[in-house]
Amino acid sequence: MNTRMMDGVRTRLVRLTCSLGVAVFFGATLIACGLRPLPPVGDFDETVDALPTATPIKHLIIIVGENRSFDHLFATYVPQHPQEGIHNLLSEGIVTADGQPGPNFARAHQYRITAPPNGGKYFISADLAQKTLYSTLPPPDLNGVPPVSPWIEILAIPNGDPGLPPQDQYLLGTGGTDLIHTYGPDPRIHKRH
């Protein structure tokens, strides 16, 4: 056989071997996946369902706006029954019930940027030299949320947003603050006395 023909045969054999290797790998993977046990079927919350409660409610889902946290909503929440307990800013002594600094306020370490890095565009990269501790935490801010939902105009389109079920179309009109200003402290969140 000439050299050129041998090179062609060798190339085909290498390709065939590679293809067979890939096929064997994927075949073994499929077999392994097929041998894996399936997840159990049934009620995963049987232990939760067995707990006695005052109402049939077992789970509560809370939808929190972007860039908000548990502390925005429940920082000073006090459970109706003390034995329920909660870990929040009030229970940890970081703030008092009226939002003032508590005995453990220093543990919170909430900083404000005093010298914004990167032209003020990216605050995460600020180091301690560019930050100072708040002496009093600032009130919740409106942060530009408009008085009326910016999506309310979609409700004027016949059938609204095709990506939303008809019964949820009204949600496009919610989300505004009903306030005359869009920046500054949120007056709807008031201190408890």
Protein backbone atom coordinates (compact mmCIF):
# COMPACT_ATOMS: atom_id res chain seq x y z
CA MET A 1 0.00 0.00 0.00
CA ASN A 2 1.19 3.44 -0.71
CA THR A 3 1.76 5.98 2.04
CA ARG A 4 -1.07 8.24 0.99
CA MET A 5 -3.60 5.42 1.19
CA MET A 6 -2.23 4.34 4.60
CA ASP A 7 -2.60 7.90 5.92
CA GLY A 8 -6.22 7.97 4.75
CA VAL A 9 -6.98 4.62 6.41
CA ARG A 10 -5.24 5.76 9.60
CA THR A 11 -7.23 9.01 9.65
CA ARG A 12 -10.52 7.14 9.21
CA LEU A 13 -9.59 4.70 11.98
CA VAL A 14 -8.76 7.56 14.35
CA ARG A 15 -12.11 9.25 13.57
CA LEU A 16 -13.97 5.96 13.99
CA THR A 17 -12.20 5.28 17.30
CA CYS A 18 -13.01 8.79 18.57
CA SER A 19 -16.65 8.42 17.50
CA LEU A 20 -16.89 5.02 19.19
CA GLY A 21 -15.31 6.46 22.35
CA VAL A 22 -17.85 9.30 22.45
CA ALA A 23 -20.72 6.87 21.79
CA VAL A 24 -19.55 4.56 24.58
CA PHE A 25 -19.24 7.51 27.00
CA PHE A 26 -22.75 8.82 26.25
CA GLY A 27 -24.18 5.30 26.29
CA ALA A 28 -22.65 4.66 29.72
CA THR A 29 -24.00 8.02 30.92
CA LEU A 30 -27.51 7.17 29.73
CA ILE A 31 -27.36 3.76 31.38
CA ALA A 32 -26.13 5.32 34.63
CA CYS A 33 -28.97 7.82 34.55
CA GLY A 34 -31.45 5.02 33.93
CA LEU A 35 -30.19 3.08 36.95
CA ARG A 36 -30.55 6.07 39.27
CA PRO A 37 -33.53 5.75 41.64
CA LEU A 38 -36.45 8.05 40.94
CA PRO A 39 -37.42 10.64 43.56
CA PRO A 40 -40.07 9.44 46.00
CA VAL A 41 -43.68 10.02 45.07
CA GLY A 42 -46.20 11.44 47.50
CA ASP A 43 -46.64 14.19 50.02
CA PHE A 44 -43.28 15.67 51.01
CA ASP A 45 -44.84 17.76 53.77
CA GLU A 46 -46.39 14.95 55.82
CA THR A 47 -44.53 16.04 58.96
CA VAL A 48 -45.55 19.67 58.39
CA ASP A 49 -49.15 18.65 57.71
CA ALA A 50 -49.22 16.84 61.06
CA LEU A 51 -48.35 20.00 63.03
CA PRO A 52 -51.32 21.51 64.86
CA THR A 53 -52.02 25.09 63.80
CA ALA A 54 -54.71 27.65 64.59
CA THR A 55 -55.56 27.87 60.87
CA PRO A 56 -55.10 25.55 57.92
CA ILE A 57 -52.27 27.81 56.68
CA LYS A 58 -48.98 25.89 56.71
CA HIS A 59 -46.85 28.11 54.46
CA LEU A 60 -46.77 31.82 53.82
CA ILE A 61 -45.01 33.19 50.76
CA ILE A 62 -43.97 36.84 50.89
CA ILE A 63 -42.93 38.60 47.71
CA VAL A 64 -40.34 41.26 48.44
CA GLY A 65 -39.44 44.03 46.03
CA GLU A 66 -36.06 44.18 44.36
CA ASN A 67 -33.21 45.43 46.56
CA ARG A 68 -35.28 44.98 49.71
CA SER A 69 -34.62 42.57 52.52
CA PHE A 70 -36.24 40.83 55.45
CA ASP A 71 -35.21 43.79 57.60
CA HIS A 72 -37.06 46.24 55.35
CA LEU A 73 -40.28 44.44 56.20
CA PHE A 74 -39.79 42.82 59.58
CA ALA A 75 -36.98 44.72 61.35
CA THR A 76 -39.22 45.66 64.29
CA TYR A 77 -41.85 42.92 64.03
CA VAL A 78 -42.90 41.45 67.36
CA PRO A 79 -44.75 38.09 67.21
CA GLN A 80 -48.21 37.97 68.77
CA HIS A 81 -47.11 35.05 70.95
CA PRO A 82 -43.61 35.46 72.48
CA GLN A 83 -42.89 31.72 72.26
CA GLU A 84 -42.99 32.01 68.43
CA GLY A 85 -39.74 34.00 68.38
CA ILE A 86 -38.05 35.83 65.53
CA HIS A 87 -34.49 36.92 64.72
CA ASN A 88 -34.68 40.49 63.48
CA LEU A 89 -33.04 43.85 64.20
CA LEU A 90 -35.32 44.44 67.21
CA SER A 91 -34.87 41.01 68.81
CA GLU A 92 -31.09 41.25 68.36
CA GLY A 93 -31.02 44.70 70.05
CA ILE A 94 -29.69 46.47 66.96
CA VAL A 95 -32.65 48.89 66.92
CA THR A 96 -35.35 49.79 69.41
CA ALA A 97 -39.07 49.46 68.69
CA ASP A 98 -39.20 53.04 67.37
CA GLY A 99 -36.25 52.47 65.02
CA GLN A 100 -33.59 54.24 67.08
CA PRO A 101 -30.17 52.62 67.68
CA GLY A 102 -30.39 49.81 70.22
CA PRO A 103 -27.79 48.50 72.69
CA ASN A 104 -26.22 46.26 70.00
CA PHE A 105 -26.38 48.82 67.19
CA ALA A 106 -22.63 48.60 66.54
CA ARG A 107 -23.06 44.96 65.47
CA ALA A 108 -25.06 46.07 62.42
CA HIS A 109 -22.15 47.86 60.72
CA GLN A 110 -24.22 49.68 58.11
CA TYR A 111 -21.95 51.85 55.99
CA ARG A 112 -22.49 54.76 53.68
CA ILE A 113 -20.17 55.64 50.83
CA THR A 114 -18.27 58.86 51.47
CA ALA A 115 -15.88 58.71 48.49
CA PRO A 116 -17.49 56.70 45.65
CA PRO A 117 -14.97 54.61 43.70
CA ASN A 118 -15.10 54.24 39.91
CA GLY A 119 -16.77 57.59 39.40
CA GLY A 120 -19.66 56.58 41.66
CA LYS A 121 -20.83 53.81 39.35
CA TYR A 122 -19.99 50.66 41.33
CA PHE A 123 -20.17 50.87 45.12
CA ILE A 124 -19.41 47.23 45.92
CA SER A 125 -15.74 47.86 45.24
CA ALA A 126 -15.52 50.57 47.91
CA ASP A 127 -13.06 49.71 50.66
CA LEU A 128 -13.22 50.87 54.28
CA ALA A 129 -11.32 54.08 53.48
CA GLN A 130 -14.25 55.11 51.24
CA LYS A 131 -16.95 54.27 53.82
CA THR A 132 -18.13 55.58 57.18
CA LEU A 133 -20.51 53.99 59.66
CA TYR A 134 -24.01 55.44 59.92
CA SER A 135 -24.71 56.92 63.34
CA THR A 136 -28.45 56.54 62.65
CA LEU A 137 -29.77 54.30 59.90
CA PRO A 138 -31.46 56.24 57.08
CA PRO A 139 -35.21 55.76 56.59
CA PRO A 140 -36.46 53.52 53.76
CA ASP A 141 -36.18 55.40 50.49
CA LEU A 142 -38.58 55.57 47.54
CA ASN A 143 -35.62 55.20 45.19
CA GLY A 144 -37.43 56.58 42.14
CA VAL A 145 -40.60 54.45 42.31
CA PRO A 146 -43.27 56.46 40.44
CA PRO A 147 -46.73 57.37 41.77
CA VAL A 148 -48.36 55.17 39.09
CA SER A 149 -47.09 51.87 37.72
CA PRO A 150 -44.97 52.38 34.59
CA TRP A 151 -46.73 49.36 33.05
CA ILE A 152 -50.28 50.67 33.44
CA GLU A 153 -50.39 51.66 29.74
CA ILE A 154 -50.34 47.98 28.78
CA LEU A 155 -53.84 47.69 30.26
CA ALA A 156 -55.10 49.92 27.42
CA ILE A 157 -53.95 47.36 24.82
CA PRO A 158 -56.68 44.83 23.90
CA ASN A 159 -55.93 41.61 25.83
CA GLY A 160 -53.03 43.36 27.62
CA ASP A 161 -49.77 41.45 27.91
CA PRO A 162 -50.00 38.13 26.05
CA GLY A 163 -47.51 36.64 28.51
CA LEU A 164 -49.86 37.08 31.48
CA PRO A 165 -53.02 35.11 32.21
CA PRO A 166 -56.16 37.28 31.88
CA GLN A 167 -56.89 37.16 35.62
CA ASP A 168 -53.43 38.65 36.36
CA GLN A 169 -53.53 41.55 33.89
CA TYR A 170 -54.62 44.00 36.62
CA LEU A 171 -51.22 43.53 38.30
CA LEU A 172 -49.68 45.70 35.58
CA GLY A 173 -51.53 48.65 37.15
CA THR A 174 -50.19 48.02 40.65
CA GLY A 175 -46.83 48.98 42.08
CA GLY A 176 -47.08 52.76 42.12
CA THR A 177 -46.70 54.64 45.39
CA ASP A 178 -49.65 57.09 45.02
CA LEU A 179 -47.23 59.73 46.32
CA ILE A 180 -46.48 63.06 44.64
CA HIS A 181 -42.69 62.56 44.89
CA THR A 182 -40.46 59.71 43.74
CA TYR A 183 -37.29 60.20 45.79
CA GLY A 184 -36.53 60.59 49.47
CA PRO A 185 -37.86 58.85 52.59
CA ASP A 186 -40.94 56.67 52.17
CA PRO A 187 -43.64 58.29 54.38
CA ARG A 188 -45.83 55.17 54.14
CA ILE A 189 -43.43 53.37 56.48
CA HIS A 190 -43.88 54.98 59.85
CA LYS A 191 -42.22 54.37 63.17
CA ARG A 192 -44.10 52.48 65.82
CA HIS A 193 -44.52 54.20 69.15
